[in-house]
Amino acid sequence: KAAKTGGSSASDADSDKPAKKTAAKTTASKATTQK
């Protein structure tokens, strides 16, 4: 799934927390833009 979306996999969440936060910010930004 991560390869299709270009993001990181859920299994890598615990080993890559900064990436997870960045992904969350990106998602929030996308949501604001969409609104």
PDB file of all heavy atoms in Angstrom:
ATOM      1  N   LYS A   1       0.834  -1.205   0.000  1.00  0.00           N
ATOM      2  CA  LYS A   1       0.000   0.000   0.000  1.00  0.00           C
ATOM      3  C   LYS A   1       0.864   1.249   0.000  1.00  0.00           C
ATOM      4  O   LYS A   1       0.567   2.232  -0.689  1.00  0.00           O
ATOM      5  CB  LYS A   1      -0.912  -0.010   1.217  1.00  0.00           C
ATOM      6  CG  LYS A   1      -2.021  -1.062   1.154  1.00  0.00           C
ATOM      7  CD  LYS A   1      -2.910  -0.976   2.391  1.00  0.00           C
ATOM      8  CE  LYS A   1      -4.050  -1.991   2.294  1.00  0.00           C
ATOM      9  NZ  LYS A   1      -4.919  -1.949   3.498  1.00  0.00           N
ATOM     10  N   ALA A   2       1.942   1.204   0.807  1.00  0.00           N
ATOM     11  CA  ALA A   2       2.819   2.373   0.888  1.00  0.00           C
ATOM     12  C   ALA A   2       3.497   2.646  -0.453  1.00  0.00           C
ATOM     13  O   ALA A   2       3.703   3.783  -0.827  1.00  0.00           O
ATOM     14  CB  ALA A   2       3.870   2.146   1.976  1.00  0.00           C
ATOM     15  N   ALA A   3       3.840   1.577  -1.166  1.00  0.00           N
ATOM     16  CA  ALA A   3       4.497   1.756  -2.465  1.00  0.00           C
ATOM     17  C   ALA A   3       3.582   2.436  -3.456  1.00  0.00           C
ATOM     18  O   ALA A   3       4.024   3.209  -4.311  1.00  0.00           O
ATOM     19  CB  ALA A   3       4.948   0.397  -3.008  1.00  0.00           C
ATOM     20  N   LYS A   4       2.259   2.150  -3.367  1.00  0.00           N
ATOM     21  CA  LYS A   4       1.301   2.772  -4.280  1.00  0.00           C
ATOM     22  C   LYS A   4       1.110   4.247  -3.973  1.00  0.00           C
ATOM     23  O   LYS A   4       0.977   5.075  -4.866  1.00  0.00           O
ATOM     24  CB  LYS A   4      -0.029   2.042  -4.206  1.00  0.00           C
ATOM     25  CG  LYS A   4      -0.010   0.659  -4.842  1.00  0.00           C
ATOM     26  CD  LYS A   4      -1.387   0.018  -4.796  1.00  0.00           C
ATOM     27  CE  LYS A   4      -1.376  -1.341  -5.479  1.00  0.00           C
ATOM     28  NZ  LYS A   4      -2.721  -1.978  -5.442  1.00  0.00           N
ATOM     29  N   THR A   5       1.051   4.587  -2.664  1.00  0.00           N
ATOM     30  CA  THR A   5       0.791   5.973  -2.259  1.00  0.00           C
ATOM     31  C   THR A   5       2.058   6.796  -2.143  1.00  0.00           C
ATOM     32  O   THR A   5       2.012   8.012  -2.030  1.00  0.00           O
ATOM     33  CB  THR A   5       0.063   5.994  -0.908  1.00  0.00           C
ATOM     34  OG1 THR A   5       0.883   5.332   0.074  1.00  0.00           O
ATOM     35  CG2 THR A   5      -1.270   5.275  -1.011  1.00  0.00           C
ATOM     36  N   GLY A   6       3.217   6.087  -2.130  1.00  0.00           N
ATOM     37  CA  GLY A   6       4.472   6.808  -2.016  1.00  0.00           C
ATOM     38  C   GLY A   6       4.835   7.136  -0.598  1.00  0.00           C
ATOM     39  O   GLY A   6       5.809   7.837  -0.338  1.00  0.00           O
ATOM     40  N   GLY A   7       4.051   6.670   0.388  1.00  0.00           N
ATOM     41  CA  GLY A   7       4.333   6.935   1.790  1.00  0.00           C
ATOM     42  C   GLY A   7       4.974   5.753   2.452  1.00  0.00           C
ATOM     43  O   GLY A   7       5.415   4.812   1.816  1.00  0.00           O
ATOM     44  N   SER A   8       5.038   5.788   3.790  1.00  0.00           N
ATOM     45  CA  SER A   8       5.631   4.699   4.554  1.00  0.00           C
ATOM     46  C   SER A   8       4.564   3.713   4.967  1.00  0.00           C
ATOM     47  O   SER A   8       3.396   4.055   5.091  1.00  0.00           O
ATOM     48  CB  SER A   8       6.348   5.235   5.798  1.00  0.00           C
ATOM     49  OG  SER A   8       5.420   5.910   6.630  1.00  0.00           O
ATOM     50  N   SER A   9       4.940   2.456   5.200  1.00  0.00           N
ATOM     51  CA  SER A   9       3.996   1.411   5.583  1.00  0.00           C
ATOM     52  C   SER A   9       3.653   1.506   7.044  1.00  0.00           C
ATOM     53  O   SER A   9       4.393   2.067   7.849  1.00  0.00           O
ATOM     54  CB  SER A   9       4.584   0.032   5.284  1.00  0.00           C
ATOM     55  OG  SER A   9       5.716  -0.186   6.099  1.00  0.00           O
ATOM     56  N   ALA A  10       2.502   0.914   7.417  1.00  0.00           N
ATOM     57  CA  ALA A  10       2.068   0.925   8.816  1.00  0.00           C
ATOM     58  C   ALA A  10       3.020   0.143   9.690  1.00  0.00           C
ATOM     59  O   ALA A  10       3.196   0.446  10.856  1.00  0.00           O
ATOM     60  CB  ALA A  10       0.654   0.328   8.927  1.00  0.00           C
ATOM     61  N   SER A  11       3.667  -0.872   9.127  1.00  0.00           N
ATOM     62  CA  SER A  11       4.580  -1.694   9.916  1.00  0.00           C
ATOM     63  C   SER A  11       5.845  -0.946  10.272  1.00  0.00           C
ATOM     64  O   SER A  11       6.584  -1.327  11.160  1.00  0.00           O
ATOM     65  CB  SER A  11       4.951  -2.971   9.155  1.00  0.00           C
ATOM     66  OG  SER A  11       5.578  -2.615   7.937  1.00  0.00           O
ATOM     67  N   ASP A  12       6.131   0.145   9.549  1.00  0.00           N
ATOM     68  CA  ASP A  12       7.331   0.935   9.821  1.00  0.00           C
ATOM     69  C   ASP A  12       7.040   2.106  10.753  1.00  0.00           C
ATOM     70  O   ASP A  12       7.915   2.914  11.028  1.00  0.00           O
ATOM     71  CB  ASP A  12       7.915   1.484   8.513  1.00  0.00           C
ATOM     72  CG  ASP A  12       8.332   0.361   7.581  1.00  0.00           C
ATOM     73  OD1 ASP A  12       8.685  -0.706   8.111  1.00  0.00           O
ATOM     74  OD2 ASP A  12       8.281   0.560   6.359  1.00  0.00           O
ATOM     75  N   ALA A  13       5.812   2.169  11.272  1.00  0.00           N
ATOM     76  CA  ALA A  13       5.395   3.328  12.065  1.00  0.00           C
ATOM     77  C   ALA A  13       6.217   3.471  13.321  1.00  0.00           C
ATOM     78  O   ALA A  13       6.618   4.564  13.703  1.00  0.00           O
ATOM     79  CB  ALA A  13       3.908   3.218  12.409  1.00  0.00           C
ATOM     80  N   ASP A  14       6.443   2.345  14.024  1.00  0.00           N
ATOM     81  CA  ASP A  14       7.160   2.410  15.291  1.00  0.00           C
ATOM     82  C   ASP A  14       8.628   2.761  15.109  1.00  0.00           C
ATOM     83  O   ASP A  14       9.244   3.340  15.989  1.00  0.00           O
ATOM     84  CB  ASP A  14       7.069   1.057  16.015  1.00  0.00           C
ATOM     85  CG  ASP A  14       5.642   0.776  16.435  1.00  0.00           C
ATOM     86  OD1 ASP A  14       4.880   1.744  16.593  1.00  0.00           O
ATOM     87  OD2 ASP A  14       5.309  -0.422  16.596  1.00  0.00           O
ATOM     88  N   SER A  15       9.188   2.414  13.972  1.00  0.00           N
ATOM     89  CA  SER A  15      10.604   2.669  13.742  1.00  0.00           C
ATOM     90  C   SER A  15      10.846   4.001  13.057  1.00  0.00           C
ATOM     91  O   SER A  15      11.985   4.408  12.880  1.00  0.00           O
ATOM     92  CB  SER A  15      11.211   1.538  12.899  1.00  0.00           C
ATOM     93  OG  SER A  15      10.550   1.486  11.660  1.00  0.00           O
ATOM     94  N   ASP A  16       9.792   4.723  12.654  1.00  0.00           N
ATOM     95  CA  ASP A  16       9.972   5.968  11.907  1.00  0.00           C
ATOM     96  C   ASP A  16       8.914   6.970  12.330  1.00  0.00           C
ATOM     97  O   ASP A  16       8.065   7.361  11.554  1.00  0.00           O
ATOM     98  CB  ASP A  16       9.883   5.676  10.402  1.00  0.00           C
ATOM     99  CG  ASP A  16      10.406   6.844   9.577  1.00  0.00           C
ATOM    100  OD1 ASP A  16      10.952   7.779  10.188  1.00  0.00           O
ATOM    101  OD2 ASP A  16      10.254   6.810   8.345  1.00  0.00           O
ATOM    102  N   LYS A  17       8.934   7.390  13.603  1.00  0.00           N
ATOM    103  CA  LYS A  17       7.920   8.302  14.142  1.00  0.00           C
ATOM    104  C   LYS A  17       7.948   9.672  13.482  1.00  0.00           C
ATOM    105  O   LYS A  17       6.907  10.259  13.214  1.00  0.00           O
ATOM    106  CB  LYS A  17       8.086   8.414  15.646  1.00  0.00           C
ATOM    107  CG  LYS A  17       7.704   7.128  16.372  1.00  0.00           C
ATOM    108  CD  LYS A  17       7.812   7.293  17.874  1.00  0.00           C
ATOM    109  CE  LYS A  17       7.400   5.999  18.589  1.00  0.00           C
ATOM    110  NZ  LYS A  17       7.520   6.124  20.044  1.00  0.00           N
ATOM    111  N   PRO A  18       9.150  10.272  13.226  1.00  0.00           N
ATOM    112  CA  PRO A  18       9.158  11.578  12.545  1.00  0.00           C
ATOM    113  C   PRO A  18       8.427  11.526  11.212  1.00  0.00           C
ATOM    114  O   PRO A  18       7.698  12.435  10.862  1.00  0.00           O
ATOM    115  CB  PRO A  18      10.660  11.863  12.373  1.00  0.00           C
ATOM    116  CG  PRO A  18      11.308  11.110  13.480  1.00  0.00           C
ATOM    117  CD  PRO A  18      10.507   9.863  13.629  1.00  0.00           C
ATOM    118  N   ALA A  19       8.654  10.467  10.480  1.00  0.00           N
ATOM    119  CA  ALA A  19       7.981  10.345   9.188  1.00  0.00           C
ATOM    120  C   ALA A  19       6.487  10.298   9.376  1.00  0.00           C
ATOM    121  O   ALA A  19       5.718  10.816   8.568  1.00  0.00           O
ATOM    122  CB  ALA A  19       8.478   9.085   8.465  1.00  0.00           C
ATOM    123  N   LYS A  20       6.068   9.650  10.487  1.00  0.00           N
ATOM    124  CA  LYS A  20       4.637   9.539  10.747  1.00  0.00           C
ATOM    125  C   LYS A  20       4.040  10.920  11.020  1.00  0.00           C
ATOM    126  O   LYS A  20       2.947  11.248  10.568  1.00  0.00           O
ATOM    127  CB  LYS A  20       4.412   8.603  11.934  1.00  0.00           C
ATOM    128  CG  LYS A  20       2.973   8.223  12.146  1.00  0.00           C
ATOM    129  CD  LYS A  20       2.869   7.166  13.218  1.00  0.00           C
ATOM    130  CE  LYS A  20       1.426   6.721  13.389  1.00  0.00           C
ATOM    131  NZ  LYS A  20       1.308   5.668  14.424  1.00  0.00           N
ATOM    132  N   LYS A  21       4.786  11.753  11.805  1.00  0.00           N
ATOM    133  CA  LYS A  21       4.298  13.100  12.114  1.00  0.00           C
ATOM    134  C   LYS A  21       4.211  13.925  10.830  1.00  0.00           C
ATOM    135  O   LYS A  21       3.264  14.677  10.613  1.00  0.00           O
ATOM    136  CB  LYS A  21       5.237  13.764  13.109  1.00  0.00           C
ATOM    137  CG  LYS A  21       5.147  13.147  14.506  1.00  0.00           C
ATOM    138  CD  LYS A  21       6.080  13.871  15.464  1.00  0.00           C
ATOM    139  CE  LYS A  21       6.001  13.266  16.869  1.00  0.00           C
ATOM    140  NZ  LYS A  21       6.908  13.946  17.797  1.00  0.00           N
ATOM    141  N   THR A  22       5.265  13.809   9.990  1.00  0.00           N
ATOM    142  CA  THR A  22       5.269  14.556   8.726  1.00  0.00           C
ATOM    143  C   THR A  22       4.079  14.172   7.869  1.00  0.00           C
ATOM    144  O   THR A  22       3.424  15.012   7.256  1.00  0.00           O
ATOM    145  CB  THR A  22       6.578  14.272   7.957  1.00  0.00           C
ATOM    146  OG1 THR A  22       7.685  14.636   8.779  1.00  0.00           O
ATOM    147  CG2 THR A  22       6.603  15.047   6.648  1.00  0.00           C
ATOM    148  N   ALA A  23       3.803  12.838   7.853  1.00  0.00           N
ATOM    149  CA  ALA A  23       2.669  12.365   7.064  1.00  0.00           C
ATOM    150  C   ALA A  23       1.372  12.941   7.606  1.00  0.00           C
ATOM    151  O   ALA A  23       0.462  13.296   6.852  1.00  0.00           O
ATOM    152  CB  ALA A  23       2.629  10.838   7.100  1.00  0.00           C
ATOM    153  N   ALA A  24       1.289  13.059   8.956  1.00  0.00           N
ATOM    154  CA  ALA A  24       0.077  13.610   9.562  1.00  0.00           C
ATOM    155  C   ALA A  24      -0.107  15.062   9.176  1.00  0.00           C
ATOM    156  O   ALA A  24      -1.212  15.522   8.867  1.00  0.00           O
ATOM    157  CB  ALA A  24       0.165  13.468  11.087  1.00  0.00           C
ATOM    158  N   LYS A  25       1.039  15.851   9.211  1.00  0.00           N
ATOM    159  CA  LYS A  25       0.954  17.262   8.817  1.00  0.00           C
ATOM    160  C   LYS A  25       0.529  17.399   7.361  1.00  0.00           C
ATOM    161  O   LYS A  25      -0.273  18.252   7.011  1.00  0.00           O
ATOM    162  CB  LYS A  25       2.310  17.930   9.024  1.00  0.00           C
ATOM    163  CG  LYS A  25       2.666  18.109  10.497  1.00  0.00           C
ATOM    164  CD  LYS A  25       4.007  18.799  10.639  1.00  0.00           C
ATOM    165  CE  LYS A  25       4.366  19.013  12.111  1.00  0.00           C
ATOM    166  NZ  LYS A  25       5.674  19.681  12.267  1.00  0.00           N
ATOM    167  N   THR A  26       1.135  16.561   6.526  1.00  0.00           N
ATOM    168  CA  THR A  26       0.801  16.608   5.102  1.00  0.00           C
ATOM    169  C   THR A  26      -0.668  16.317   4.887  1.00  0.00           C
ATOM    170  O   THR A  26      -1.345  16.973   4.096  1.00  0.00           O
ATOM    171  CB  THR A  26       1.640  15.579   4.340  1.00  0.00           C
ATOM    172  OG1 THR A  26       3.022  15.851   4.565  1.00  0.00           O
ATOM    173  CG2 THR A  26       1.345  15.634   2.847  1.00  0.00           C
ATOM    174  N   THR A  27      -1.186  15.331   5.640  1.00  0.00           N
ATOM    175  CA  THR A  27      -2.597  14.979   5.514  1.00  0.00           C
ATOM    176  C   THR A  27      -3.483  16.126   5.962  1.00  0.00           C
ATOM    177  O   THR A  27      -4.498  16.458   5.335  1.00  0.00           O
ATOM    178  CB  THR A  27      -2.903  13.729   6.368  1.00  0.00           C
ATOM    179  OG1 THR A  27      -2.060  12.676   5.942  1.00  0.00           O
ATOM    180  CG2 THR A  27      -4.352  13.317   6.226  1.00  0.00           C
ATOM    181  N   ALA A  28      -3.087  16.776   7.097  1.00  0.00           N
ATOM    182  CA  ALA A  28      -3.871  17.918   7.597  1.00  0.00           C
ATOM    183  C   ALA A  28      -3.863  19.056   6.601  1.00  0.00           C
ATOM    184  O   ALA A  28      -4.874  19.725   6.359  1.00  0.00           O
ATOM    185  CB  ALA A  28      -3.301  18.375   8.944  1.00  0.00           C
ATOM    186  N   SER A  29      -2.674  19.315   6.017  1.00  0.00           N
ATOM    187  CA  SER A  29      -2.547  20.381   5.023  1.00  0.00           C
ATOM    188  C   SER A  29      -3.430  20.110   3.810  1.00  0.00           C
ATOM    189  O   SER A  29      -4.095  21.000   3.288  1.00  0.00           O
ATOM    190  CB  SER A  29      -1.083  20.514   4.600  1.00  0.00           C
ATOM    191  OG  SER A  29      -0.940  21.476   3.600  1.00  0.00           O
ATOM    192  N   LYS A  30      -3.418  18.825   3.382  1.00  0.00           N
ATOM    193  CA  LYS A  30      -4.252  18.458   2.239  1.00  0.00           C
ATOM    194  C   LYS A  30      -5.721  18.668   2.559  1.00  0.00           C
ATOM    195  O   LYS A  30      -6.502  19.146   1.737  1.00  0.00           O
ATOM    196  CB  LYS A  30      -4.011  17.001   1.849  1.00  0.00           C
ATOM    197  CG  LYS A  30      -2.681  16.769   1.152  1.00  0.00           C
ATOM    198  CD  LYS A  30      -2.564  15.313   0.747  1.00  0.00           C
ATOM    199  CE  LYS A  30      -1.251  15.060   0.003  1.00  0.00           C
ATOM    200  NZ  LYS A  30      -1.123  13.654  -0.394  1.00  0.00           N
ATOM    201  N   ALA A  31      -6.102  18.307   3.787  1.00  0.00           N
ATOM    202  CA  ALA A  31      -7.505  18.450   4.186  1.00  0.00           C
ATOM    203  C   ALA A  31      -7.915  19.909   4.181  1.00  0.00           C
ATOM    204  O   ALA A  31      -9.014  20.281   3.745  1.00  0.00           O
ATOM    205  CB  ALA A  31      -7.712  17.843   5.569  1.00  0.00           C
ATOM    206  N   THR A  32      -7.000  20.830   4.710  1.00  0.00           N
ATOM    207  CA  THR A  32      -7.298  22.270   4.743  1.00  0.00           C
ATOM    208  C   THR A  32      -7.446  22.812   3.330  1.00  0.00           C
ATOM    209  O   THR A  32      -8.357  23.593   3.027  1.00  0.00           O
ATOM    210  CB  THR A  32      -6.168  23.013   5.475  1.00  0.00           C
ATOM    211  OG1 THR A  32      -6.038  22.464   6.779  1.00  0.00           O
ATOM    212  CG2 THR A  32      -6.480  24.501   5.561  1.00  0.00           C
ATOM    213  N   THR A  33      -6.529  22.383   2.459  1.00  0.00           N
ATOM    214  CA  THR A  33      -6.578  22.835   1.066  1.00  0.00           C
ATOM    215  C   THR A  33      -7.872  22.413   0.390  1.00  0.00           C
ATOM    216  O   THR A  33      -8.503  23.167  -0.346  1.00  0.00           O
ATOM    217  CB  THR A  33      -5.387  22.261   0.288  1.00  0.00           C
ATOM    218  OG1 THR A  33      -4.181  22.659   0.934  1.00  0.00           O
ATOM    219  CG2 THR A  33      -5.378  22.754  -1.149  1.00  0.00           C
ATOM    220  N   GLN A  34      -8.267  21.152   0.679  1.00  0.00           N
ATOM    221  CA  GLN A  34      -9.501  20.645   0.085  1.00  0.00           C
ATOM    222  C   GLN A  34     -10.712  21.432   0.581  1.00  0.00           C
ATOM    223  O   GLN A  34     -11.641  21.721  -0.175  1.00  0.00           O
ATOM    224  CB  GLN A  34      -9.662  19.157   0.409  1.00  0.00           C
ATOM    225  CG  GLN A  34      -8.653  18.286  -0.326  1.00  0.00           C
ATOM    226  CD  GLN A  34      -8.762  16.842   0.087  1.00  0.00           C
ATOM    227  OE1 GLN A  34      -9.504  16.530   1.005  1.00  0.00           O
ATOM    228  NE2 GLN A  34      -8.015  15.980  -0.596  1.00  0.00           N
ATOM    229  N   LYS A  35     -10.719  21.786   1.894  1.00  0.00           N
ATOM    230  CA  LYS A  35     -11.836  22.567   2.434  1.00  0.00           C
ATOM    231  C   LYS A  35     -11.908  23.948   1.789  1.00  0.00           C
ATOM    232  O   LYS A  35     -12.989  24.441   1.455  1.00  0.00           O
ATOM    233  CB  LYS A  35     -11.689  22.704   3.953  1.00  0.00           C
ATOM    234  CG  LYS A  35     -11.962  21.400   4.700  1.00  0.00           C
ATOM    235  CD  LYS A  35     -11.841  21.616   6.195  1.00  0.00           C
ATOM    236  CE  LYS A  35     -12.119  20.328   6.961  1.00  0.00           C
ATOM    237  NZ  LYS A  35     -11.986  20.520   8.427  1.00  0.00           N
TER     238      LYS A  35
END
